[in-house]
Structures are given as structure tokens and as C-alpha cells.
């Protein structure tokens, strides 16, 4: 795929590139877990929002905790390694 292609009508050429190699799923999950933990840390430290938005932030906090639990469980799956 990394070959130049010349168009007959214009003489122009272009190079098609392969997609970069996919990262292992385990690495993607581990990075996502690290980011989720950072978000939880920031939420636990406190967030200033209008009173009308407190419910939304609480929902975000609870959903992020659940996401952390699921990602941590996924990392323990032997099939991912």
C-alpha cells in the first residue's frame, strides 16, 4: 500500500499509507483506566458548578466509578494478554 499511484489523466501521483498498527487491547484499557482514575481524583477534590448542575456531576461521578470497576475487571481477564 505504500506505493505511489499515478493518475493517467493528470499525471499527478499520490501515496497510499497503511493505517498504523493497532495497539494491544490491554494497553488501551490500561490507559483508559488511568484517565478514568484521574477524572475521579479531580471530581473527588471538588468541582464548582451551579446548584442546578450538582445532580449531573453526581451522575458523572457514579458512572465514572462504575467505569473504573469495569475497566479494572477487564484488565484481570487472562484472555486480553
PDB file of N, CA and C in Angstrom:
ATOM      1  N   UNK A   1       0.807  -1.195   0.000  1.00  0.00           N
ATOM      2  CA  UNK A   1       0.000   0.000   0.000  1.00  0.00           C
ATOM      3  C   UNK A   1       0.848   1.255   0.000  1.00  0.00           C
ATOM      4  N   UNK A   2       2.078   1.180   0.398  1.00  0.00           N
ATOM      5  CA  UNK A   2       2.921   2.368   0.427  1.00  0.00           C
ATOM      6  C   UNK A   2       3.563   2.612  -0.929  1.00  0.00           C
ATOM      7  N   UNK A   3       2.780   2.523  -1.964  1.00  0.00           N
ATOM      8  CA  UNK A   3       3.269   2.733  -3.316  1.00  0.00           C
ATOM      9  C   UNK A   3       2.620   3.969  -3.904  1.00  0.00           C
ATOM     10  N   UNK A   4       3.352   4.655  -4.749  1.00  0.00           N
ATOM     11  CA  UNK A   4       2.783   5.819  -5.424  1.00  0.00           C
ATOM     12  C   UNK A   4       1.824   5.352  -6.507  1.00  0.00           C
ATOM     13  N   UNK A   5       0.725   6.050  -6.633  1.00  0.00           N
ATOM     14  CA  UNK A   5      -0.244   5.763  -7.685  1.00  0.00           C
ATOM     15  C   UNK A   5      -0.283   6.981  -8.590  1.00  0.00           C
ATOM     16  N   UNK A   6      -0.082   6.766  -9.892  1.00  0.00           N
ATOM     17  CA  UNK A   6      -0.118   7.862 -10.850  1.00  0.00           C
ATOM     18  C   UNK A   6      -1.441   7.834 -11.587  1.00  0.00           C
ATOM     19  N   UNK A   7      -2.089   8.975 -11.631  1.00  0.00           N
ATOM     20  CA  UNK A   7      -3.350   9.092 -12.346  1.00  0.00           C
ATOM     21  C   UNK A   7      -3.054   9.440 -13.794  1.00  0.00           C
ATOM     22  N   UNK A   8      -3.562   8.634 -14.710  1.00  0.00           N
ATOM     23  CA  UNK A   8      -3.247   8.798 -16.134  1.00  0.00           C
ATOM     24  C   UNK A   8      -3.703  10.134 -16.697  1.00  0.00           C
ATOM     25  N   UNK A   9      -4.879  10.598 -16.292  1.00  0.00           N
ATOM     26  CA  UNK A   9      -5.419  11.806 -16.916  1.00  0.00           C
ATOM     27  C   UNK A   9      -4.688  13.078 -16.497  1.00  0.00           C
ATOM     28  N   UNK A  10      -4.107  13.116 -15.290  1.00  0.00           N
ATOM     29  CA  UNK A  10      -3.454  14.344 -14.835  1.00  0.00           C
ATOM     30  C   UNK A  10      -1.948  14.184 -14.663  1.00  0.00           C
ATOM     31  N   UNK A  11      -1.487  12.960 -14.540  1.00  0.00           N
ATOM     32  CA  UNK A  11      -0.070  12.742 -14.299  1.00  0.00           C
ATOM     33  C   UNK A  11       0.321  12.939 -12.846  1.00  0.00           C
ATOM     34  N   UNK A  12      -0.633  13.339 -12.026  1.00  0.00           N
ATOM     35  CA  UNK A  12      -0.355  13.517 -10.599  1.00  0.00           C
ATOM     36  C   UNK A  12      -0.203  12.154  -9.939  1.00  0.00           C
ATOM     37  N   UNK A  13       0.537  12.117  -8.856  1.00  0.00           N
ATOM     38  CA  UNK A  13       0.666  10.867  -8.112  1.00  0.00           C
ATOM     39  C   UNK A  13       0.435  11.135  -6.633  1.00  0.00           C
ATOM     40  N   UNK A  14       0.040  10.101  -5.946  1.00  0.00           N
ATOM     41  CA  UNK A  14      -0.183  10.185  -4.509  1.00  0.00           C
ATOM     42  C   UNK A  14       0.275   8.880  -3.883  1.00  0.00           C
ATOM     43  N   UNK A  15       0.533   8.881  -2.606  1.00  0.00           N
ATOM     44  CA  UNK A  15       0.974   7.687  -1.900  1.00  0.00           C
ATOM     45  C   UNK A  15      -0.119   7.281  -0.926  1.00  0.00           C
ATOM     46  N   UNK A  16      -0.528   6.028  -0.995  1.00  0.00           N
ATOM     47  CA  UNK A  16      -1.483   5.495  -0.041  1.00  0.00           C
ATOM     48  C   UNK A  16      -0.715   4.902   1.128  1.00  0.00           C
ATOM     49  N   UNK A  17      -1.129   5.197   2.314  1.00  0.00           N
ATOM     50  CA  UNK A  17      -0.438   4.705   3.506  1.00  0.00           C
ATOM     51  C   UNK A  17      -1.298   3.690   4.239  1.00  0.00           C
ATOM     52  N   UNK A  18      -0.651   2.734   4.857  1.00  0.00           N
ATOM     53  CA  UNK A  18      -1.351   1.784   5.715  1.00  0.00           C
ATOM     54  C   UNK A  18      -1.717   2.483   7.012  1.00  0.00           C
ATOM     55  N   UNK A  19      -2.792   2.001   7.631  1.00  0.00           N
ATOM     56  CA  UNK A  19      -3.149   2.511   8.950  1.00  0.00           C
ATOM     57  C   UNK A  19      -2.064   2.094   9.932  1.00  0.00           C
ATOM     58  N   UNK A  20      -1.817   2.904  10.938  1.00  0.00           N
ATOM     59  CA  UNK A  20      -0.826   2.492  11.926  1.00  0.00           C
ATOM     60  C   UNK A  20      -1.257   1.197  12.605  1.00  0.00           C
ATOM     61  N   UNK A  21      -0.285   0.460  13.057  1.00  0.00           N
ATOM     62  CA  UNK A  21      -0.572  -0.813  13.711  1.00  0.00           C
ATOM     63  C   UNK A  21      -1.412  -0.576  14.964  1.00  0.00           C
ATOM     64  N   UNK A  22      -2.435  -1.394  15.135  1.00  0.00           N
ATOM     65  CA  UNK A  22      -3.321  -1.247  16.281  1.00  0.00           C
ATOM     66  C   UNK A  22      -2.582  -1.577  17.574  1.00  0.00           C
ATOM     67  N   UNK A  23      -2.899  -0.818  18.611  1.00  0.00           N
ATOM     68  CA  UNK A  23      -2.310  -1.090  19.919  1.00  0.00           C
ATOM     69  C   UNK A  23      -3.019  -2.277  20.538  1.00  0.00           C
ATOM     70  N   UNK A  24      -2.337  -3.015  21.380  1.00  0.00           N
ATOM     71  CA  UNK A  24      -2.989  -4.130  22.067  1.00  0.00           C
ATOM     72  C   UNK A  24      -4.154  -3.624  22.922  1.00  0.00           C
ATOM     73  N   UNK A  25      -5.219  -4.389  22.953  1.00  0.00           N
ATOM     74  CA  UNK A  25      -6.405  -4.010  23.711  1.00  0.00           C
ATOM     75  C   UNK A  25      -6.073  -3.783  25.179  1.00  0.00           C
ATOM     76  N   UNK A  26      -5.215  -4.613  25.732  1.00  0.00           N
ATOM     77  CA  UNK A  26      -4.814  -4.473  27.137  1.00  0.00           C
ATOM     78  C   UNK A  26      -4.226  -3.085  27.384  1.00  0.00           C
ATOM     79  N   UNK A  27      -3.390  -2.605  26.469  1.00  0.00           N
ATOM     80  CA  UNK A  27      -2.769  -1.287  26.624  1.00  0.00           C
ATOM     81  C   UNK A  27      -3.800  -0.166  26.542  1.00  0.00           C
ATOM     82  N   UNK A  28      -4.755  -0.299  25.651  1.00  0.00           N
ATOM     83  CA  UNK A  28      -5.805   0.715  25.509  1.00  0.00           C
ATOM     84  C   UNK A  28      -6.648   0.778  26.782  1.00  0.00           C
ATOM     85  N   UNK A  29      -6.997  -0.379  27.318  1.00  0.00           N
ATOM     86  CA  UNK A  29      -7.806  -0.422  28.544  1.00  0.00           C
ATOM     87  C   UNK A  29      -7.023   0.147  29.723  1.00  0.00           C
ATOM     88  N   UNK A  30      -5.745  -0.189  29.810  1.00  0.00           N
ATOM     89  CA  UNK A  30      -4.917   0.321  30.908  1.00  0.00           C
ATOM     90  C   UNK A  30      -4.808   1.845  30.845  1.00  0.00           C
ATOM     91  N   UNK A  31      -4.631   2.387  29.668  1.00  0.00           N
ATOM     92  CA  UNK A  31      -4.547   3.844  29.517  1.00  0.00           C
ATOM     93  C   UNK A  31      -5.892   4.497  29.855  1.00  0.00           C
ATOM     94  N   UNK A  32      -6.967   3.887  29.409  1.00  0.00           N
ATOM     95  CA  UNK A  32      -8.296   4.419  29.716  1.00  0.00           C
ATOM     96  C   UNK A  32      -8.555   4.395  31.211  1.00  0.00           C
ATOM     97  N   UNK A  33      -8.169   3.310  31.873  1.00  0.00           N
ATOM     98  CA  UNK A  33      -8.327   3.215  33.324  1.00  0.00           C
ATOM     99  C   UNK A  33      -7.549   4.325  34.030  1.00  0.00           C
ATOM    100  N   UNK A  34      -6.342   4.592  33.581  1.00  0.00           N
ATOM    101  CA  UNK A  34      -5.543   5.661  34.186  1.00  0.00           C
ATOM    102  C   UNK A  34      -6.242   7.014  34.031  1.00  0.00           C
ATOM    103  N   UNK A  35      -6.817   7.265  32.861  1.00  0.00           N
ATOM    104  CA  UNK A  35      -7.529   8.527  32.645  1.00  0.00           C
ATOM    105  C   UNK A  35      -8.793   8.609  33.495  1.00  0.00           C
ATOM    106  N   UNK A  36      -9.499   7.502  33.639  1.00  0.00           N
ATOM    107  CA  UNK A  36     -10.704   7.470  34.467  1.00  0.00           C
ATOM    108  C   UNK A  36     -10.336   7.750  35.927  1.00  0.00           C
ATOM    109  N   UNK A  37      -9.231   7.178  36.385  1.00  0.00           N
ATOM    110  CA  UNK A  37      -8.796   7.425  37.759  1.00  0.00           C
ATOM    111  C   UNK A  37      -8.411   8.887  37.975  1.00  0.00           C
ATOM    112  N   UNK A  38      -7.820   9.514  36.958  1.00  0.00           N
ATOM    113  CA  UNK A  38      -7.511  10.944  37.057  1.00  0.00           C
ATOM    114  C   UNK A  38      -8.788  11.768  37.157  1.00  0.00           C
ATOM    115  N   UNK A  39      -9.791  11.414  36.364  1.00  0.00           N
ATOM    116  CA  UNK A  39     -11.070  12.115  36.431  1.00  0.00           C
ATOM    117  C   UNK A  39     -11.701  11.964  37.807  1.00  0.00           C
ATOM    118  N   UNK A  40     -11.667  10.751  38.342  1.00  0.00           N
ATOM    119  CA  UNK A  40     -12.218  10.535  39.688  1.00  0.00           C
ATOM    120  C   UNK A  40     -11.489  11.378  40.734  1.00  0.00           C
ATOM    121  N   UNK A  41     -10.185  11.456  40.619  1.00  0.00           N
ATOM    122  CA  UNK A  41      -9.391  12.255  41.555  1.00  0.00           C
ATOM    123  C   UNK A  41      -9.825  13.717  41.513  1.00  0.00           C
ATOM    124  N   UNK A  42     -10.034  14.227  40.299  1.00  0.00           N
ATOM    125  CA  UNK A  42     -10.462  15.620  40.171  1.00  0.00           C
ATOM    126  C   UNK A  42     -11.870  15.823  40.716  1.00  0.00           C
ATOM    127  N   UNK A  43     -12.751  14.885  40.450  1.00  0.00           N
ATOM    128  CA  UNK A  43     -14.115  15.002  40.959  1.00  0.00           C
ATOM    129  C   UNK A  43     -14.138  14.913  42.483  1.00  0.00           C
ATOM    130  N   UNK A  44     -13.320  14.035  43.037  1.00  0.00           N
ATOM    131  CA  UNK A  44     -13.260  13.892  44.493  1.00  0.00           C
ATOM    132  C   UNK A  44     -12.680  15.127  45.165  1.00  0.00           C
ATOM    133  N   UNK A  45     -11.806  15.840  44.465  1.00  0.00           N
ATOM    134  CA  UNK A  45     -11.210  17.055  45.016  1.00  0.00           C
ATOM    135  C   UNK A  45     -12.217  18.200  45.066  1.00  0.00           C
ATOM    136  N   UNK A  46     -13.290  18.061  44.321  1.00  0.00           N
ATOM    137  CA  UNK A  46     -14.336  19.084  44.326  1.00  0.00           C
ATOM    138  C   UNK A  46     -14.431  19.800  43.003  1.00  0.00           C
ATOM    139  N   UNK A  47     -15.661  20.065  42.608  1.00  0.00           N
ATOM    140  CA  UNK A  47     -15.934  20.748  41.353  1.00  0.00           C
ATOM    141  C   UNK A  47     -16.949  21.840  41.641  1.00  0.00           C
ATOM    142  N   UNK A  48     -16.717  23.017  41.126  1.00  0.00           N
ATOM    143  CA  UNK A  48     -17.659  24.121  41.316  1.00  0.00           C
ATOM    144  C   UNK A  48     -18.630  24.146  40.141  1.00  0.00           C
ATOM    145  N   UNK A  49     -19.893  23.985  40.459  1.00  0.00           N
ATOM    146  CA  UNK A  49     -20.949  24.072  39.450  1.00  0.00           C
ATOM    147  C   UNK A  49     -22.162  24.739  40.084  1.00  0.00           C
ATOM    148  N   UNK A  50     -23.051  25.192  39.243  1.00  0.00           N
ATOM    149  CA  UNK A  50     -24.303  25.763  39.737  1.00  0.00           C
ATOM    150  C   UNK A  50     -25.101  24.675  40.439  1.00  0.00           C
ATOM    151  N   UNK A  51     -25.921  25.092  41.376  1.00  0.00           N
ATOM    152  CA  UNK A  51     -26.741  24.123  42.113  1.00  0.00           C
ATOM    153  C   UNK A  51     -27.561  23.246  41.172  1.00  0.00           C
ATOM    154  N   UNK A  52     -27.997  23.816  40.069  1.00  0.00           N
ATOM    155  CA  UNK A  52     -28.823  23.055  39.120  1.00  0.00           C
ATOM    156  C   UNK A  52     -28.035  21.954  38.412  1.00  0.00           C
ATOM    157  N   UNK A  53     -26.709  22.009  38.482  1.00  0.00           N
ATOM    158  CA  UNK A  53     -25.858  21.028  37.799  1.00  0.00           C
ATOM    159  C   UNK A  53     -25.277  19.988  38.748  1.00  0.00           C
ATOM    160  N   UNK A  54     -25.565  20.091  40.021  1.00  0.00           N
ATOM    161  CA  UNK A  54     -24.989  19.155  41.002  1.00  0.00           C
ATOM    162  C   UNK A  54     -25.383  17.717  40.723  1.00  0.00           C
ATOM    163  N   UNK A  55     -26.629  17.502  40.323  1.00  0.00           N
ATOM    164  CA  UNK A  55     -27.093  16.149  40.011  1.00  0.00           C
ATOM    165  C   UNK A  55     -26.321  15.547  38.850  1.00  0.00           C
ATOM    166  N   UNK A  56     -26.045  16.367  37.853  1.00  0.00           N
ATOM    167  CA  UNK A  56     -25.287  15.890  36.701  1.00  0.00           C
ATOM    168  C   UNK A  56     -23.870  15.480  37.097  1.00  0.00           C
ATOM    169  N   UNK A  57     -23.230  16.282  37.929  1.00  0.00           N
ATOM    170  CA  UNK A  57     -21.867  15.966  38.374  1.00  0.00           C
ATOM    171  C   UNK A  57     -21.880  14.706  39.229  1.00  0.00           C
ATOM    172  N   UNK A  58     -22.892  14.556  40.061  1.00  0.00           N
ATOM    173  CA  UNK A  58     -23.000  13.333  40.874  1.00  0.00           C
ATOM    174  C   UNK A  58     -23.182  12.116  39.972  1.00  0.00           C
ATOM    175  N   UNK A  59     -24.029  12.239  38.946  1.00  0.00           N
ATOM    176  CA  UNK A  59     -24.211  11.134  37.985  1.00  0.00           C
ATOM    177  C   UNK A  59     -22.901  10.802  37.284  1.00  0.00           C
ATOM    178  N   UNK A  60     -22.149  11.840  36.922  1.00  0.00           N
ATOM    179  CA  UNK A  60     -20.845  11.623  36.285  1.00  0.00           C
ATOM    180  C   UNK A  60     -19.914  10.882  37.228  1.00  0.00           C
ATOM    181  N   UNK A  61     -19.906  11.270  38.487  1.00  0.00           N
ATOM    182  CA  UNK A  61     -19.047  10.623  39.474  1.00  0.00           C
ATOM    183  C   UNK A  61     -19.396   9.144  39.621  1.00  0.00           C
ATOM    184  N   UNK A  62     -20.681   8.844  39.772  1.00  0.00           N
ATOM    185  CA  UNK A  62     -21.116   7.455  39.946  1.00  0.00           C
ATOM    186  C   UNK A  62     -20.797   6.636  38.692  1.00  0.00           C
ATOM    187  N   UNK A  63     -21.072   7.180  37.511  1.00  0.00           N
ATOM    188  CA  UNK A  63     -20.788   6.466  36.261  1.00  0.00           C
ATOM    189  C   UNK A  63     -19.292   6.228  36.094  1.00  0.00           C
ATOM    190  N   UNK A  64     -18.488   7.198  36.504  1.00  0.00           N
ATOM    191  CA  UNK A  64     -17.032   7.062  36.388  1.00  0.00           C
ATOM    192  C   UNK A  64     -16.513   6.002  37.351  1.00  0.00           C
ATOM    193  N   UNK A  65     -17.092   5.921  38.546  1.00  0.00           N
ATOM    194  CA  UNK A  65     -16.710   4.855  39.477  1.00  0.00           C
ATOM    195  C   UNK A  65     -17.027   3.486  38.877  1.00  0.00           C
ATOM    196  N   UNK A  66     -18.189   3.364  38.286  1.00  0.00           N
ATOM    197  CA  UNK A  66     -18.569   2.085  37.668  1.00  0.00           C
ATOM    198  C   UNK A  66     -17.643   1.749  36.501  1.00  0.00           C
ATOM    199  N   UNK A  67     -17.304   2.771  35.723  1.00  0.00           N
ATOM    200  CA  UNK A  67     -16.396   2.537  34.596  1.00  0.00           C
ATOM    201  C   UNK A  67     -15.039   2.060  35.094  1.00  0.00           C
ATOM    202  N   UNK A  68     -14.552   2.654  36.182  1.00  0.00           N
ATOM    203  CA  UNK A  68     -13.274   2.226  36.758  1.00  0.00           C
ATOM    204  C   UNK A  68     -13.337   0.760  37.156  1.00  0.00           C
ATOM    205  N   UNK A  69     -14.434   0.361  37.778  1.00  0.00           N
ATOM    206  CA  UNK A  69     -14.584  -1.031  38.212  1.00  0.00           C
ATOM    207  C   UNK A  69     -14.595  -1.993  37.028  1.00  0.00           C
ATOM    208  N   UNK A  70     -15.304  -1.627  35.979  1.00  0.00           N
ATOM    209  CA  UNK A  70     -15.387  -2.484  34.792  1.00  0.00           C
ATOM    210  C   UNK A  70     -14.034  -2.574  34.094  1.00  0.00           C
ATOM    211  N   UNK A  71     -13.350  -1.452  33.950  1.00  0.00           N
ATOM    212  CA  UNK A  71     -12.035  -1.471  33.303  1.00  0.00           C
ATOM    213  C   UNK A  71     -11.030  -2.285  34.108  1.00  0.00           C
ATOM    214  N   UNK A  72     -11.063  -2.149  35.432  1.00  0.00           N
ATOM    215  CA  UNK A  72     -10.153  -2.921  36.288  1.00  0.00           C
ATOM    216  C   UNK A  72     -10.442  -4.415  36.150  1.00  0.00           C
ATOM    217  N   UNK A  73     -11.723  -4.769  36.090  1.00  0.00           N
ATOM    218  CA  UNK A  73     -12.078  -6.178  35.913  1.00  0.00           C
ATOM    219  C   UNK A  73     -11.625  -6.680  34.540  1.00  0.00           C
ATOM    220  N   UNK A  74     -11.751  -5.854  33.537  1.00  0.00           N
ATOM    221  CA  UNK A  74     -11.328  -6.252  32.192  1.00  0.00           C
ATOM    222  C   UNK A  74      -9.825  -6.508  32.135  1.00  0.00           C
ATOM    223  N   UNK A  75      -9.061  -5.734  32.872  1.00  0.00           N
ATOM    224  CA  UNK A  75      -7.604  -5.935  32.881  1.00  0.00           C
ATOM    225  C   UNK A  75      -7.221  -7.251  33.535  1.00  0.00           C
ATOM    226  N   UNK A  76      -8.087  -7.770  34.385  1.00  0.00           N
ATOM    227  CA  UNK A  76      -7.804  -9.046  35.047  1.00  0.00           C
ATOM    228  C   UNK A  76      -8.141 -10.249  34.168  1.00  0.00           C
ATOM    229  N   UNK A  77      -8.798 -10.026  33.048  1.00  0.00           N
ATOM    230  CA  UNK A  77      -9.134 -11.136  32.147  1.00  0.00           C
ATOM    231  C   UNK A  77      -7.862 -11.687  31.515  1.00  0.00           C
ATOM    232  N   UNK A  78      -7.639 -12.954  31.655  1.00  0.00           N
ATOM    233  CA  UNK A  78      -6.448 -13.575  31.094  1.00  0.00           C
ATOM    234  C   UNK A  78      -6.451 -13.548  29.572  1.00  0.00           C
ATOM    235  N   UNK A  79      -7.642 -13.567  28.964  1.00  0.00           N
ATOM    236  CA  UNK A  79      -7.745 -13.617  27.505  1.00  0.00           C
ATOM    237  C   UNK A  79      -7.201 -12.353  26.839  1.00  0.00           C
ATOM    238  N   UNK A  80      -7.119 -11.251  27.572  1.00  0.00           N
ATOM    239  CA  UNK A  80      -6.649  -9.998  26.984  1.00  0.00           C
ATOM    240  C   UNK A  80      -5.137  -9.935  26.844  1.00  0.00           C
ATOM    241  N   UNK A  81      -4.446 -10.803  27.504  1.00  0.00           N
ATOM    242  CA  UNK A  81      -2.983 -10.718  27.496  1.00  0.00           C
ATOM    243  C   UNK A  81      -2.368 -11.426  26.346  1.00  0.00           C
TER     244      UNK A  81
END
